[in-house]
PDB file of N, CA and C in Angstrom:
ATOM      1  N   MET A   1       0.813  -1.182   0.000  1.00  0.00           N
ATOM      2  CA  MET A   1       0.000   0.000   0.000  1.00  0.00           C
ATOM      3  C   MET A   1       0.864   1.257   0.000  1.00  0.00           C
ATOM      4  N   ARG A   2       1.928   1.277   0.740  1.00  0.00           N
ATOM      5  CA  ARG A   2       2.793   2.446   0.810  1.00  0.00           C
ATOM      6  C   ARG A   2       3.410   2.746  -0.569  1.00  0.00           C
ATOM      7  N   TYR A   3       3.729   1.725  -1.320  1.00  0.00           N
ATOM      8  CA  TYR A   3       4.317   1.902  -2.646  1.00  0.00           C
ATOM      9  C   TYR A   3       3.400   2.729  -3.550  1.00  0.00           C
ATOM     10  N   TRP A   4       2.104   2.442  -3.547  1.00  0.00           N
ATOM     11  CA  TRP A   4       1.156   3.163  -4.394  1.00  0.00           C
ATOM     12  C   TRP A   4       1.010   4.619  -3.984  1.00  0.00           C
ATOM     13  N   ILE A   5       1.041   4.906  -2.703  1.00  0.00           N
ATOM     14  CA  ILE A   5       0.920   6.285  -2.233  1.00  0.00           C
ATOM     15  C   ILE A   5       2.122   7.108  -2.681  1.00  0.00           C
ATOM     16  N   VAL A   6       3.322   6.575  -2.569  1.00  0.00           N
ATOM     17  CA  VAL A   6       4.525   7.284  -3.003  1.00  0.00           C
ATOM     18  C   VAL A   6       4.492   7.509  -4.509  1.00  0.00           C
ATOM     19  N   LEU A   7       4.105   6.523  -5.277  1.00  0.00           N
ATOM     20  CA  LEU A   7       4.012   6.651  -6.722  1.00  0.00           C
ATOM     21  C   LEU A   7       2.976   7.708  -7.106  1.00  0.00           C
ATOM     22  N   PHE A   8       1.854   7.741  -6.429  1.00  0.00           N
ATOM     23  CA  PHE A   8       0.815   8.702  -6.709  1.00  0.00           C
ATOM     24  C   PHE A   8       1.302  10.122  -6.447  1.00  0.00           C
ATOM     25  N   LEU A   9       1.969  10.366  -5.349  1.00  0.00           N
ATOM     26  CA  LEU A   9       2.490  11.696  -5.033  1.00  0.00           C
ATOM     27  C   LEU A   9       3.564  12.114  -6.028  1.00  0.00           C
ATOM     28  N   PHE A  10       4.372  11.167  -6.458  1.00  0.00           N
ATOM     29  CA  PHE A  10       5.395  11.471  -7.457  1.00  0.00           C
ATOM     30  C   PHE A  10       4.752  11.900  -8.765  1.00  0.00           C
ATOM     31  N   CYS A  11       3.707  11.242  -9.179  1.00  0.00           N
ATOM     32  CA  CYS A  11       3.009  11.618 -10.410  1.00  0.00           C
ATOM     33  C   CYS A  11       2.356  12.990 -10.287  1.00  0.00           C
ATOM     34  N   LEU A  12       1.815  13.299  -9.145  1.00  0.00           N
ATOM     35  CA  LEU A  12       1.242  14.627  -8.949  1.00  0.00           C
ATOM     36  C   LEU A  12       2.310  15.702  -9.052  1.00  0.00           C
ATOM     37  N   GLY A  13       3.499  15.413  -8.555  1.00  0.00           N
ATOM     38  CA  GLY A  13       4.582  16.398  -8.581  1.00  0.00           C
ATOM     39  C   GLY A  13       5.067  16.708  -9.979  1.00  0.00           C
ATOM     40  N   ILE A  14       5.133  15.724 -10.857  1.00  0.00           N
ATOM     41  CA  ILE A  14       5.638  15.996 -12.199  1.00  0.00           C
ATOM     42  C   ILE A  14       4.524  16.187 -13.220  1.00  0.00           C
ATOM     43  N   GLY A  15       3.312  15.827 -12.878  1.00  0.00           N
ATOM     44  CA  GLY A  15       2.207  15.909 -13.830  1.00  0.00           C
ATOM     45  C   GLY A  15       2.019  17.288 -14.431  1.00  0.00           C
ATOM     46  N   PRO A  16       1.853  18.344 -13.642  1.00  0.00           N
ATOM     47  CA  PRO A  16       1.642  19.670 -14.213  1.00  0.00           C
ATOM     48  C   PRO A  16       2.807  20.144 -15.066  1.00  0.00           C
ATOM     49  N   ALA A  17       4.034  19.804 -14.689  1.00  0.00           N
ATOM     50  CA  ALA A  17       5.196  20.242 -15.465  1.00  0.00           C
ATOM     51  C   ALA A  17       5.208  19.574 -16.837  1.00  0.00           C
ATOM     52  N   VAL A  18       4.881  18.296 -16.879  1.00  0.00           N
ATOM     53  CA  VAL A  18       4.855  17.578 -18.148  1.00  0.00           C
ATOM     54  C   VAL A  18       3.705  18.088 -19.010  1.00  0.00           C
ATOM     55  N   GLN A  19       2.547  18.285 -18.415  1.00  0.00           N
ATOM     56  CA  GLN A  19       1.400  18.745 -19.175  1.00  0.00           C
ATOM     57  C   GLN A  19       1.616  20.142 -19.730  1.00  0.00           C
ATOM     58  N   ALA A  20       2.294  21.016 -18.997  1.00  0.00           N
ATOM     59  CA  ALA A  20       2.508  22.393 -19.442  1.00  0.00           C
ATOM     60  C   ALA A  20       3.364  22.438 -20.703  1.00  0.00           C
ATOM     61  N   GLN A  21       4.229  21.446 -20.900  1.00  0.00           N
ATOM     62  CA  GLN A  21       5.080  21.422 -22.078  1.00  0.00           C
ATOM     63  C   GLN A  21       4.295  21.071 -23.335  1.00  0.00           C
ATOM     64  N   ASN A  22       3.132  20.486 -23.204  1.00  0.00           N
ATOM     65  CA  ASN A  22       2.340  20.059 -24.343  1.00  0.00           C
ATOM     66  C   ASN A  22       1.235  21.048 -24.677  1.00  0.00           C
ATOM     67  N   LYS A  23       1.407  22.304 -24.339  1.00  0.00           N
ATOM     68  CA  LYS A  23       0.395  23.323 -24.592  1.00  0.00           C
ATOM     69  C   LYS A  23       0.946  24.346 -25.569  1.00  0.00           C
ATOM     70  N   GLY A  24       0.060  25.057 -26.224  1.00  0.00           N
ATOM     71  CA  GLY A  24       0.466  26.069 -27.186  1.00  0.00           C
ATOM     72  C   GLY A  24      -0.025  27.449 -26.785  1.00  0.00           C
ATOM     73  N   VAL A  25       0.341  28.437 -27.586  1.00  0.00           N
ATOM     74  CA  VAL A  25      -0.037  29.830 -27.364  1.00  0.00           C
ATOM     75  C   VAL A  25      -0.749  30.333 -28.613  1.00  0.00           C
ATOM     76  N   VAL A  26      -1.859  31.018 -28.399  1.00  0.00           N
ATOM     77  CA  VAL A  26      -2.577  31.654 -29.491  1.00  0.00           C
ATOM     78  C   VAL A  26      -2.579  33.150 -29.204  1.00  0.00           C
ATOM     79  N   LYS A  27      -2.127  33.936 -30.164  1.00  0.00           N
ATOM     80  CA  LYS A  27      -2.165  35.381 -29.978  1.00  0.00           C
ATOM     81  C   LYS A  27      -2.630  36.037 -31.266  1.00  0.00           C
ATOM     82  N   GLY A  28      -3.202  37.212 -31.125  1.00  0.00           N
ATOM     83  CA  GLY A  28      -3.719  37.885 -32.299  1.00  0.00           C
ATOM     84  C   GLY A  28      -4.284  39.250 -31.962  1.00  0.00           C
ATOM     85  N   ARG A  29      -5.057  39.776 -32.871  1.00  0.00           N
ATOM     86  CA  ARG A  29      -5.641  41.108 -32.726  1.00  0.00           C
ATOM     87  C   ARG A  29      -7.078  41.059 -33.217  1.00  0.00           C
ATOM     88  N   VAL A  30      -7.985  41.688 -32.474  1.00  0.00           N
ATOM     89  CA  VAL A  30      -9.390  41.765 -32.857  1.00  0.00           C
ATOM     90  C   VAL A  30      -9.642  43.198 -33.312  1.00  0.00           C
ATOM     91  N   PHE A  31     -10.198  43.323 -34.532  1.00  0.00           N
ATOM     92  CA  PHE A  31     -10.439  44.665 -35.070  1.00  0.00           C
ATOM     93  C   PHE A  31     -11.698  44.678 -35.912  1.00  0.00           C
ATOM     94  N   ASP A  32     -12.234  45.870 -36.106  1.00  0.00           N
ATOM     95  CA  ASP A  32     -13.417  46.078 -36.935  1.00  0.00           C
ATOM     96  C   ASP A  32     -12.987  45.974 -38.389  1.00  0.00           C
ATOM     97  N   LEU A  33     -13.607  45.080 -39.133  1.00  0.00           N
ATOM     98  CA  LEU A  33     -13.214  44.853 -40.520  1.00  0.00           C
ATOM     99  C   LEU A  33     -13.447  46.070 -41.400  1.00  0.00           C
ATOM    100  N   ALA A  34     -14.499  46.830 -41.140  1.00  0.00           N
ATOM    101  CA  ALA A  34     -14.816  47.998 -41.972  1.00  0.00           C
ATOM    102  C   ALA A  34     -13.869  49.162 -41.713  1.00  0.00           C
ATOM    103  N   SER A  35     -13.575  49.424 -40.441  1.00  0.00           N
ATOM    104  CA  SER A  35     -12.773  50.603 -40.105  1.00  0.00           C
ATOM    105  C   SER A  35     -11.321  50.277 -39.762  1.00  0.00           C
ATOM    106  N   ASN A  36     -11.000  49.007 -39.566  1.00  0.00           N
ATOM    107  CA  ASN A  36      -9.674  48.550 -39.163  1.00  0.00           C
ATOM    108  C   ASN A  36      -9.283  49.057 -37.772  1.00  0.00           C
ATOM    109  N   GLU A  37     -10.260  49.515 -36.985  1.00  0.00           N
ATOM    110  CA  GLU A  37      -9.993  49.984 -35.631  1.00  0.00           C
ATOM    111  C   GLU A  37     -10.021  48.817 -34.659  1.00  0.00           C
ATOM    112  N   ALA A  38      -9.132  48.875 -33.680  1.00  0.00           N
ATOM    113  CA  ALA A  38      -9.060  47.823 -32.660  1.00  0.00           C
ATOM    114  C   ALA A  38     -10.360  47.765 -31.868  1.00  0.00           C
ATOM    115  N   ILE A  39     -10.710  46.566 -31.416  1.00  0.00           N
ATOM    116  CA  ILE A  39     -11.867  46.388 -30.544  1.00  0.00           C
ATOM    117  C   ILE A  39     -11.326  46.022 -29.161  1.00  0.00           C
ATOM    118  N   PRO A  40     -11.239  47.024 -28.271  1.00  0.00           N
ATOM    119  CA  PRO A  40     -10.691  46.753 -26.948  1.00  0.00           C
ATOM    120  C   PRO A  40     -11.677  45.974 -26.072  1.00  0.00           C
ATOM    121  N   PHE A  41     -11.126  45.163 -25.202  1.00  0.00           N
ATOM    122  CA  PHE A  41     -11.875  44.429 -24.178  1.00  0.00           C
ATOM    123  C   PHE A  41     -12.898  43.438 -24.752  1.00  0.00           C
ATOM    124  N   ALA A  42     -12.638  42.946 -25.955  1.00  0.00           N
ATOM    125  CA  ALA A  42     -13.466  41.886 -26.527  1.00  0.00           C
ATOM    126  C   ALA A  42     -13.106  40.570 -25.831  1.00  0.00           C
ATOM    127  N   ASN A  43     -14.065  39.684 -25.720  1.00  0.00           N
ATOM    128  CA  ASN A  43     -13.824  38.360 -25.131  1.00  0.00           C
ATOM    129  C   ASN A  43     -13.365  37.400 -26.220  1.00  0.00           C
ATOM    130  N   VAL A  44     -12.282  36.697 -25.950  1.00  0.00           N
ATOM    131  CA  VAL A  44     -11.752  35.694 -26.871  1.00  0.00           C
ATOM    132  C   VAL A  44     -11.638  34.385 -26.097  1.00  0.00           C
ATOM    133  N   VAL A  45     -12.369  33.359 -26.550  1.00  0.00           N
ATOM    134  CA  VAL A  45     -12.433  32.082 -25.842  1.00  0.00           C
ATOM    135  C   VAL A  45     -12.168  30.955 -26.823  1.00  0.00           C
ATOM    136  N   VAL A  46     -11.428  29.948 -26.377  1.00  0.00           N
ATOM    137  CA  VAL A  46     -11.285  28.740 -27.183  1.00  0.00           C
ATOM    138  C   VAL A  46     -12.655  28.082 -27.200  1.00  0.00           C
ATOM    139  N   TYR A  47     -13.221  27.945 -28.402  1.00  0.00           N
ATOM    140  CA  TYR A  47     -14.593  27.477 -28.588  1.00  0.00           C
ATOM    141  C   TYR A  47     -14.825  26.154 -27.876  1.00  0.00           C
ATOM    142  N   GLY A  48     -15.895  26.094 -27.095  1.00  0.00           N
ATOM    143  CA  GLY A  48     -16.265  24.877 -26.399  1.00  0.00           C
ATOM    144  C   GLY A  48     -15.541  24.672 -25.078  1.00  0.00           C
ATOM    145  N   THR A  49     -14.758  25.668 -24.639  1.00  0.00           N
ATOM    146  CA  THR A  49     -14.045  25.562 -23.365  1.00  0.00           C
ATOM    147  C   THR A  49     -14.289  26.827 -22.549  1.00  0.00           C
ATOM    148  N   THR A  50     -13.674  26.883 -21.395  1.00  0.00           N
ATOM    149  CA  THR A  50     -13.703  28.105 -20.579  1.00  0.00           C
ATOM    150  C   THR A  50     -12.362  28.824 -20.636  1.00  0.00           C
ATOM    151  N   LEU A  51     -11.466  28.365 -21.496  1.00  0.00           N
ATOM    152  CA  LEU A  51     -10.141  28.958 -21.630  1.00  0.00           C
ATOM    153  C   LEU A  51     -10.223  30.195 -22.515  1.00  0.00           C
ATOM    154  N   GLY A  52      -9.863  31.335 -21.973  1.00  0.00           N
ATOM    155  CA  GLY A  52      -9.935  32.545 -22.768  1.00  0.00           C
ATOM    156  C   GLY A  52      -9.477  33.758 -22.000  1.00  0.00           C
ATOM    157  N   GLY A  53      -9.737  34.917 -22.587  1.00  0.00           N
ATOM    158  CA  GLY A  53      -9.345  36.174 -21.971  1.00  0.00           C
ATOM    159  C   GLY A  53      -9.966  37.329 -22.722  1.00  0.00           C
ATOM    160  N   ALA A  54      -9.458  38.510 -22.445  1.00  0.00           N
ATOM    161  CA  ALA A  54      -9.975  39.722 -23.081  1.00  0.00           C
ATOM    162  C   ALA A  54      -8.850  40.421 -23.833  1.00  0.00           C
ATOM    163  N   THR A  55      -9.216  41.160 -24.862  1.00  0.00           N
ATOM    164  CA  THR A  55      -8.231  41.933 -25.596  1.00  0.00           C
ATOM    165  C   THR A  55      -7.832  43.162 -24.776  1.00  0.00           C
ATOM    166  N   ASP A  56      -6.668  43.703 -25.080  1.00  0.00           N
ATOM    167  CA  ASP A  56      -6.230  44.922 -24.409  1.00  0.00           C
ATOM    168  C   ASP A  56      -6.767  46.147 -25.156  1.00  0.00           C
ATOM    169  N   GLU A  57      -6.269  47.331 -24.813  1.00  0.00           N
ATOM    170  CA  GLU A  57      -6.750  48.565 -25.427  1.00  0.00           C
ATOM    171  C   GLU A  57      -6.491  48.628 -26.929  1.00  0.00           C
ATOM    172  N   GLU A  58      -5.503  47.859 -27.394  1.00  0.00           N
ATOM    173  CA  GLU A  58      -5.156  47.834 -28.823  1.00  0.00           C
ATOM    174  C   GLU A  58      -5.768  46.638 -29.540  1.00  0.00           C
ATOM    175  N   GLY A  59      -6.654  45.914 -28.871  1.00  0.00           N
ATOM    176  CA  GLY A  59      -7.324  44.771 -29.474  1.00  0.00           C
ATOM    177  C   GLY A  59      -6.490  43.508 -29.509  1.00  0.00           C
ATOM    178  N   ARG A  60      -5.340  43.513 -28.870  1.00  0.00           N
ATOM    179  CA  ARG A  60      -4.463  42.347 -28.886  1.00  0.00           C
ATOM    180  C   ARG A  60      -4.810  41.389 -27.739  1.00  0.00           C
ATOM    181  N   PHE A  61      -4.590  40.099 -27.999  1.00  0.00           N
ATOM    182  CA  PHE A  61      -4.820  39.075 -26.983  1.00  0.00           C
ATOM    183  C   PHE A  61      -3.752  38.012 -27.071  1.00  0.00           C
ATOM    184  N   ARG A  62      -3.598  37.273 -25.973  1.00  0.00           N
ATOM    185  CA  ARG A  62      -2.658  36.143 -25.902  1.00  0.00           C
ATOM    186  C   ARG A  62      -3.280  35.096 -24.985  1.00  0.00           C
ATOM    187  N   LEU A  63      -3.497  33.914 -25.523  1.00  0.00           N
ATOM    188  CA  LEU A  63      -4.039  32.796 -24.756  1.00  0.00           C
ATOM    189  C   LEU A  63      -2.944  31.745 -24.608  1.00  0.00           C
ATOM    190  N   GLU A  64      -2.619  31.406 -23.381  1.00  0.00           N
ATOM    191  CA  GLU A  64      -1.578  30.417 -23.111  1.00  0.00           C
ATOM    192  C   GLU A  64      -2.204  29.113 -22.633  1.00  0.00           C
ATOM    193  N   ASN A  65      -1.415  28.067 -22.675  1.00  0.00           N
ATOM    194  CA  ASN A  65      -1.832  26.727 -22.219  1.00  0.00           C
ATOM    195  C   ASN A  65      -3.012  26.183 -23.017  1.00  0.00           C
ATOM    196  N   VAL A  66      -3.036  26.464 -24.293  1.00  0.00           N
ATOM    197  CA  VAL A  66      -4.087  25.947 -25.167  1.00  0.00           C
ATOM    198  C   VAL A  66      -3.658  24.561 -25.650  1.00  0.00           C
ATOM    199  N   PRO A  67      -4.500  23.561 -25.480  1.00  0.00           N
ATOM    200  CA  PRO A  67      -4.142  22.223 -25.946  1.00  0.00           C
ATOM    201  C   PRO A  67      -3.923  22.206 -27.461  1.00  0.00           C
ATOM    202  N   PRO A  68      -2.894  21.500 -27.929  1.00  0.00           N
ATOM    203  CA  PRO A  68      -2.649  21.435 -29.370  1.00  0.00           C
ATOM    204  C   PRO A  68      -3.746  20.664 -30.088  1.00  0.00           C
ATOM    205  N   GLY A  69      -3.867  20.934 -31.359  1.00  0.00           N
ATOM    206  CA  GLY A  69      -4.866  20.277 -32.177  1.00  0.00           C
ATOM    207  C   GLY A  69      -5.667  21.296 -32.948  1.00  0.00           C
ATOM    208  N   LEU A  70      -6.841  20.909 -33.400  1.00  0.00           N
ATOM    209  CA  LEU A  70      -7.718  21.808 -34.146  1.00  0.00           C
ATOM    210  C   LEU A  70      -8.396  22.766 -33.165  1.00  0.00           C
ATOM    211  N   VAL A  71      -8.192  24.053 -33.351  1.00  0.00           N
ATOM    212  CA  VAL A  71      -8.690  25.071 -32.427  1.00  0.00           C
ATOM    213  C   VAL A  71      -9.595  26.042 -33.178  1.00  0.00           C
ATOM    214  N   ARG A  72     -10.685  26.409 -32.536  1.00  0.00           N
ATOM    215  CA  ARG A  72     -11.569  27.470 -33.034  1.00  0.00           C
ATOM    216  C   ARG A  72     -11.721  28.487 -31.908  1.00  0.00           C
ATOM    217  N   LEU A  73     -11.789  29.758 -32.267  1.00  0.00           N
ATOM    218  CA  LEU A  73     -11.960  30.802 -31.272  1.00  0.00           C
ATOM    219  C   LEU A  73     -13.344  31.410 -31.392  1.00  0.00           C
ATOM    220  N   GLU A  74     -13.907  31.770 -30.262  1.00  0.00           N
ATOM    221  CA  GLU A  74     -15.178  32.490 -30.227  1.00  0.00           C
ATOM    222  C   GLU A  74     -14.868  33.898 -29.723  1.00  0.00           C
ATOM    223  N   VAL A  75     -15.216  34.902 -30.518  1.00  0.00           N
ATOM    224  CA  VAL A  75     -14.925  36.294 -30.189  1.00  0.00           C
ATOM    225  C   VAL A  75     -16.243  37.036 -30.047  1.00  0.00           C
ATOM    226  N   SER A  76     -16.398  37.747 -28.918  1.00  0.00           N
ATOM    227  CA  SER A  76     -17.627  38.505 -28.698  1.00  0.00           C
ATOM    228  C   SER A  76     -17.306  39.843 -28.060  1.00  0.00           C
ATOM    229  N   SER A  77     -18.142  40.822 -28.389  1.00  0.00           N
ATOM    230  CA  SER A  77     -18.000  42.160 -27.826  1.00  0.00           C
ATOM    231  C   SER A  77     -19.340  42.867 -27.959  1.00  0.00           C
ATOM    232  N   ILE A  78     -19.606  43.764 -27.040  1.00  0.00           N
ATOM    233  CA  ILE A  78     -20.861  44.528 -27.079  1.00  0.00           C
ATOM    234  C   ILE A  78     -20.910  45.335 -28.373  1.00  0.00           C
ATOM    235  N   GLY A  79     -22.040  45.258 -29.053  1.00  0.00           N
ATOM    236  CA  GLY A  79     -22.220  45.986 -30.298  1.00  0.00           C
ATOM    237  C   GLY A  79     -21.794  45.240 -31.541  1.00  0.00           C
ATOM    238  N   TYR A  80     -21.278  44.028 -31.369  1.00  0.00           N
ATOM    239  CA  TYR A  80     -20.823  43.211 -32.500  1.00  0.00           C
ATOM    240  C   TYR A  80     -21.472  41.840 -32.434  1.00  0.00           C
ATOM    241  N   GLN A  81     -21.628  41.227 -33.591  1.00  0.00           N
ATOM    242  CA  GLN A  81     -22.128  39.857 -33.654  1.00  0.00           C
ATOM    243  C   GLN A  81     -21.006  38.914 -33.222  1.00  0.00           C
ATOM    244  N   THR A  82     -21.332  37.898 -32.450  1.00  0.00           N
ATOM    245  CA  THR A  82     -20.339  36.910 -32.018  1.00  0.00           C
ATOM    246  C   THR A  82     -19.796  36.170 -33.228  1.00  0.00           C
ATOM    247  N   LEU A  83     -18.490  35.973 -33.239  1.00  0.00           N
ATOM    248  CA  LEU A  83     -17.812  35.320 -34.352  1.00  0.00           C
ATOM    249  C   LEU A  83     -17.129  34.056 -33.847  1.00  0.00           C
ATOM    250  N   VAL A  84     -17.312  32.950 -34.567  1.00  0.00           N
ATOM    251  CA  VAL A  84     -16.556  31.726 -34.314  1.00  0.00           C
ATOM    252  C   VAL A  84     -15.658  31.526 -35.525  1.00  0.00           C
ATOM    253  N   THR A  85     -14.354  31.467 -35.281  1.00  0.00           N
ATOM    254  CA  THR A  85     -13.393  31.361 -36.381  1.00  0.00           C
ATOM    255  C   THR A  85     -13.439  29.968 -37.007  1.00  0.00           C
ATOM    256  N   VAL A  86     -12.866  29.873 -38.183  1.00  0.00           N
ATOM    257  CA  VAL A  86     -12.659  28.559 -38.787  1.00  0.00           C
ATOM    258  C   VAL A  86     -11.569  27.875 -37.972  1.00  0.00           C
ATOM    259  N   GLY A  87     -11.525  26.578 -38.014  1.00  0.00           N
ATOM    260  CA  GLY A  87     -10.529  25.845 -37.246  1.00  0.00           C
ATOM    261  C   GLY A  87      -9.127  26.012 -37.807  1.00  0.00           C
ATOM    262  N   PHE A  88      -8.152  26.054 -36.919  1.00  0.00           N
ATOM    263  CA  PHE A  88      -6.758  26.098 -37.322  1.00  0.00           C
ATOM    264  C   PHE A  88      -5.990  25.113 -36.456  1.00  0.00           C
ATOM    265  N   LEU A  89      -4.893  24.618 -36.987  1.00  0.00           N
ATOM    266  CA  LEU A  89      -4.110  23.608 -36.296  1.00  0.00           C
ATOM    267  C   LEU A  89      -3.077  24.276 -35.411  1.00  0.00           C
ATOM    268  N   LEU A  90      -3.099  23.957 -34.130  1.00  0.00           N
ATOM    269  CA  LEU A  90      -2.164  24.514 -33.165  1.00  0.00           C
ATOM    270  C   LEU A  90      -1.198  23.423 -32.723  1.00  0.00           C
ATOM    271  N   GLY A  91       0.081  23.703 -32.852  1.00  0.00           N
ATOM    272  CA  GLY A  91       1.102  22.785 -32.387  1.00  0.00           C
ATOM    273  C   GLY A  91       1.774  23.345 -31.146  1.00  0.00           C
ATOM    274  N   THR A  92       2.835  22.712 -30.708  1.00  0.00           N
ATOM    275  CA  THR A  92       3.602  23.208 -29.580  1.00  0.00           C
ATOM    276  C   THR A  92       4.955  23.681 -30.077  1.00  0.00           C
ATOM    277  N   ALA A  93       5.509  24.625 -29.359  1.00  0.00           N
ATOM    278  CA  ALA A  93       6.809  25.185 -29.772  1.00  0.00           C
ATOM    279  C   ALA A  93       7.949  24.288 -29.399  1.00  0.00           C
TER     280      ALA A  93
END
């Protein structure tokens, strides 16, 4: 029984470090297509998850720890229609 407890604690200790290496970063800019003006404080979320954030004053965003694979983003802001992007392939660096 003691063997399993030690093994379990060891896995907990290295688990987050190993998992963090298998994540990617998505960054970009949200802007009005007609005027090319930045859309500050828009919500950007990985579609179907709770992983996301908000754009800054210049419409830029950076999402870290995004699982690799086919990713779609959902972008929403007051006064604009919600947009779901086409899927793109995200790898790890």
